[in-house]
Amino acid sequence: LTPEQTYSLTPNQLAVIPKDRQYHYWYLGNHEPLTDAQVHLQSPVLNELYQDGHAKRALWQQICQYEKDFYPDAG
């Protein structure tokens, strides 16, 4: 994943995203998800994530949990 493949959205922008498509969300800041998306990751803000090994592991576990959603052709 490259920076060009990501979008940073505000809650207002998130509200107008079409509901008929599948999107993956990463919520920074440990707040409740704003959508009912099938795939959503949660973590502390980047400064905290950078310094907290437990938070990094928790994020990695979430990524592994949704691995088939991120890489559907991986079998």
N, C-alpha and C. Protein backbone atom coordinates (compact mmCIF):
# COMPACT_ATOMS: atom_id res chain seq x y z
N LEU A 1 0.85 -1.17 0.00
CA LEU A 1 0.00 0.00 0.00
C LEU A 1 0.89 1.23 0.00
N THR A 2 0.62 2.15 -0.88
CA THR A 2 1.39 3.38 -0.96
C THR A 2 0.53 4.55 -0.50
N PRO A 3 1.15 5.67 -0.13
CA PRO A 3 0.36 6.85 0.24
C PRO A 3 -0.63 7.27 -0.84
N GLU A 4 -0.28 7.05 -2.09
CA GLU A 4 -1.17 7.43 -3.18
C GLU A 4 -2.43 6.56 -3.23
N GLN A 5 -2.39 5.41 -2.59
CA GLN A 5 -3.53 4.49 -2.59
C GLN A 5 -4.44 4.70 -1.38
N THR A 6 -4.16 5.67 -0.55
CA THR A 6 -4.95 5.91 0.65
C THR A 6 -5.63 7.27 0.59
N TYR A 7 -6.66 7.41 1.39
CA TYR A 7 -7.38 8.67 1.53
C TYR A 7 -7.61 8.93 3.00
N SER A 8 -7.41 10.15 3.41
CA SER A 8 -7.72 10.56 4.76
C SER A 8 -9.06 11.29 4.72
N LEU A 9 -10.02 10.81 5.50
CA LEU A 9 -11.37 11.36 5.46
C LEU A 9 -11.81 11.89 6.81
N THR A 10 -12.58 12.96 6.77
CA THR A 10 -13.24 13.46 7.97
C THR A 10 -14.55 12.70 8.14
N PRO A 11 -15.16 12.74 9.32
CA PRO A 11 -16.47 12.08 9.48
C PRO A 11 -17.52 12.58 8.48
N ASN A 12 -17.50 13.86 8.16
CA ASN A 12 -18.47 14.39 7.18
C ASN A 12 -18.23 13.80 5.80
N GLN A 13 -16.97 13.65 5.41
CA GLN A 13 -16.66 13.05 4.11
C GLN A 13 -17.04 11.58 4.10
N LEU A 14 -16.83 10.91 5.20
CA LEU A 14 -17.17 9.49 5.30
C LEU A 14 -18.67 9.26 5.10
N ALA A 15 -19.47 10.20 5.54
CA ALA A 15 -20.92 10.05 5.45
C ALA A 15 -21.43 10.03 4.02
N VAL A 16 -20.68 10.57 3.06
CA VAL A 16 -21.17 10.64 1.68
C VAL A 16 -20.55 9.58 0.76
N ILE A 17 -19.78 8.67 1.31
CA ILE A 17 -19.19 7.60 0.50
C ILE A 17 -20.30 6.65 0.06
N PRO A 18 -20.30 6.22 -1.20
CA PRO A 18 -21.34 5.28 -1.67
C PRO A 18 -21.36 4.01 -0.82
N LYS A 19 -22.55 3.57 -0.49
CA LYS A 19 -22.71 2.39 0.37
C LYS A 19 -22.68 1.08 -0.41
N ASP A 20 -22.70 1.15 -1.73
CA ASP A 20 -22.78 -0.07 -2.54
C ASP A 20 -21.41 -0.65 -2.88
N ARG A 21 -20.35 -0.14 -2.26
CA ARG A 21 -19.00 -0.64 -2.51
C ARG A 21 -18.36 -1.08 -1.21
N GLN A 22 -17.36 -1.94 -1.34
CA GLN A 22 -16.62 -2.43 -0.18
C GLN A 22 -15.38 -1.55 0.02
N TYR A 23 -15.24 -1.01 1.19
CA TYR A 23 -14.08 -0.21 1.55
C TYR A 23 -13.48 -0.76 2.83
N HIS A 24 -12.19 -0.58 2.99
CA HIS A 24 -11.51 -0.94 4.23
C HIS A 24 -11.17 0.35 4.96
N TYR A 25 -11.41 0.38 6.26
CA TYR A 25 -11.20 1.59 7.06
C TYR A 25 -10.18 1.33 8.15
N TRP A 26 -9.35 2.34 8.39
CA TRP A 26 -8.42 2.32 9.52
C TRP A 26 -8.70 3.56 10.34
N TYR A 27 -9.19 3.36 11.54
CA TYR A 27 -9.53 4.45 12.44
C TYR A 27 -8.36 4.71 13.37
N LEU A 28 -7.81 5.90 13.30
CA LEU A 28 -6.73 6.31 14.19
C LEU A 28 -7.33 7.05 15.38
N GLY A 29 -6.95 6.68 16.56
CA GLY A 29 -7.40 7.40 17.73
C GLY A 29 -8.31 6.61 18.65
N ASN A 30 -8.48 5.33 18.38
CA ASN A 30 -9.24 4.44 19.27
C ASN A 30 -10.65 4.92 19.58
N HIS A 31 -11.36 5.43 18.59
CA HIS A 31 -12.76 5.75 18.81
C HIS A 31 -13.63 4.72 18.10
N GLU A 32 -14.90 4.76 18.37
CA GLU A 32 -15.82 3.80 17.78
C GLU A 32 -15.90 3.99 16.27
N PRO A 33 -15.97 2.91 15.51
CA PRO A 33 -16.11 3.02 14.05
C PRO A 33 -17.35 3.81 13.67
N LEU A 34 -17.22 4.61 12.63
CA LEU A 34 -18.32 5.46 12.17
C LEU A 34 -19.14 4.80 11.08
N THR A 35 -18.77 3.61 10.67
CA THR A 35 -19.51 2.90 9.63
C THR A 35 -19.72 1.47 10.08
N ASP A 36 -20.53 0.75 9.34
CA ASP A 36 -20.70 -0.68 9.62
C ASP A 36 -19.88 -1.51 8.63
N ALA A 37 -18.74 -0.98 8.24
CA ALA A 37 -17.87 -1.66 7.27
C ALA A 37 -17.46 -3.02 7.80
N GLN A 38 -17.37 -3.97 6.88
CA GLN A 38 -16.96 -5.31 7.25
C GLN A 38 -15.51 -5.30 7.75
N VAL A 39 -14.66 -4.54 7.10
CA VAL A 39 -13.25 -4.49 7.47
C VAL A 39 -12.91 -3.11 8.01
N HIS A 40 -12.60 -3.06 9.30
CA HIS A 40 -12.12 -1.81 9.87
C HIS A 40 -11.05 -2.12 10.91
N LEU A 41 -10.00 -1.35 10.86
CA LEU A 41 -8.89 -1.48 11.79
C LEU A 41 -8.95 -0.29 12.73
N GLN A 42 -8.52 -0.50 13.98
CA GLN A 42 -8.49 0.58 14.94
C GLN A 42 -7.13 0.60 15.62
N SER A 43 -6.63 1.81 15.86
CA SER A 43 -5.36 1.95 16.56
C SER A 43 -5.29 3.33 17.19
N PRO A 44 -4.32 3.52 18.10
CA PRO A 44 -4.07 4.86 18.60
C PRO A 44 -3.56 5.75 17.46
N VAL A 45 -3.48 7.04 17.70
CA VAL A 45 -2.91 7.95 16.71
C VAL A 45 -1.47 7.53 16.42
N LEU A 46 -0.94 7.97 15.29
CA LEU A 46 0.37 7.49 14.84
C LEU A 46 1.49 7.72 15.84
N ASN A 47 1.52 8.87 16.51
CA ASN A 47 2.58 9.13 17.50
C ASN A 47 2.58 8.06 18.59
N GLU A 48 1.40 7.71 19.09
CA GLU A 48 1.29 6.69 20.13
C GLU A 48 1.59 5.30 19.57
N LEU A 49 1.10 5.02 18.39
CA LEU A 49 1.33 3.72 17.76
C LEU A 49 2.82 3.49 17.56
N TYR A 50 3.53 4.50 17.15
CA TYR A 50 4.97 4.41 16.90
C TYR A 50 5.73 3.97 18.16
N GLN A 51 5.27 4.42 19.33
CA GLN A 51 6.00 4.17 20.57
C GLN A 51 5.46 3.01 21.40
N ASP A 52 4.34 2.43 21.01
CA ASP A 52 3.67 1.42 21.84
C ASP A 52 3.69 0.05 21.17
N GLY A 53 4.54 -0.82 21.66
CA GLY A 53 4.66 -2.16 21.08
C GLY A 53 3.37 -2.97 21.17
N HIS A 54 2.63 -2.81 22.25
CA HIS A 54 1.36 -3.54 22.39
C HIS A 54 0.36 -3.08 21.34
N ALA A 55 0.32 -1.78 21.09
CA ALA A 55 -0.61 -1.25 20.07
C ALA A 55 -0.21 -1.73 18.68
N LYS A 56 1.08 -1.80 18.42
CA LYS A 56 1.54 -2.31 17.12
C LYS A 56 1.12 -3.76 16.93
N ARG A 57 1.30 -4.56 17.97
CA ARG A 57 0.89 -5.97 17.90
C ARG A 57 -0.61 -6.10 17.69
N ALA A 58 -1.37 -5.27 18.38
CA ALA A 58 -2.83 -5.33 18.25
C ALA A 58 -3.25 -4.97 16.82
N LEU A 59 -2.61 -3.96 16.24
CA LEU A 59 -2.92 -3.58 14.86
C LEU A 59 -2.53 -4.70 13.91
N TRP A 60 -1.37 -5.30 14.14
CA TRP A 60 -0.92 -6.40 13.27
C TRP A 60 -1.89 -7.58 13.36
N GLN A 61 -2.38 -7.88 14.55
CA GLN A 61 -3.35 -8.96 14.71
C GLN A 61 -4.63 -8.67 13.93
N GLN A 62 -5.06 -7.42 13.93
CA GLN A 62 -6.24 -7.05 13.15
C GLN A 62 -5.99 -7.24 11.66
N ILE A 63 -4.81 -6.82 11.21
CA ILE A 63 -4.46 -6.98 9.79
C ILE A 63 -4.48 -8.46 9.42
N CYS A 64 -3.90 -9.30 10.27
CA CYS A 64 -3.89 -10.75 10.00
C CYS A 64 -5.30 -11.31 9.99
N GLN A 65 -6.16 -10.82 10.86
CA GLN A 65 -7.54 -11.28 10.92
C GLN A 65 -8.26 -11.03 9.59
N TYR A 66 -7.96 -9.91 8.95
CA TYR A 66 -8.63 -9.52 7.70
C TYR A 66 -7.78 -9.79 6.47
N GLU A 67 -6.75 -10.61 6.60
CA GLU A 67 -5.80 -10.83 5.51
C GLU A 67 -6.49 -11.22 4.20
N LYS A 68 -7.47 -12.09 4.26
CA LYS A 68 -8.16 -12.52 3.03
C LYS A 68 -8.93 -11.37 2.38
N ASP A 69 -9.35 -10.39 3.17
CA ASP A 69 -10.03 -9.23 2.61
C ASP A 69 -9.05 -8.28 1.91
N PHE A 70 -7.83 -8.21 2.44
CA PHE A 70 -6.82 -7.36 1.82
C PHE A 70 -6.20 -8.01 0.59
N TYR A 71 -6.04 -9.33 0.64
CA TYR A 71 -5.41 -10.08 -0.45
C TYR A 71 -6.31 -11.23 -0.87
N PRO A 72 -7.44 -10.96 -1.54
CA PRO A 72 -8.40 -12.02 -1.85
C PRO A 72 -7.85 -13.09 -2.80
N ASP A 73 -6.86 -12.78 -3.61
CA ASP A 73 -6.31 -13.74 -4.56
C ASP A 73 -5.21 -14.61 -3.96
N ALA A 74 -4.85 -14.36 -2.71
CA ALA A 74 -3.74 -15.08 -2.09
C ALA A 74 -4.09 -16.53 -1.78
N GLY A 75 -5.38 -16.86 -1.77
CA GLY A 75 -5.81 -18.25 -1.55
C GLY A 75 -5.66 -18.64 -0.15
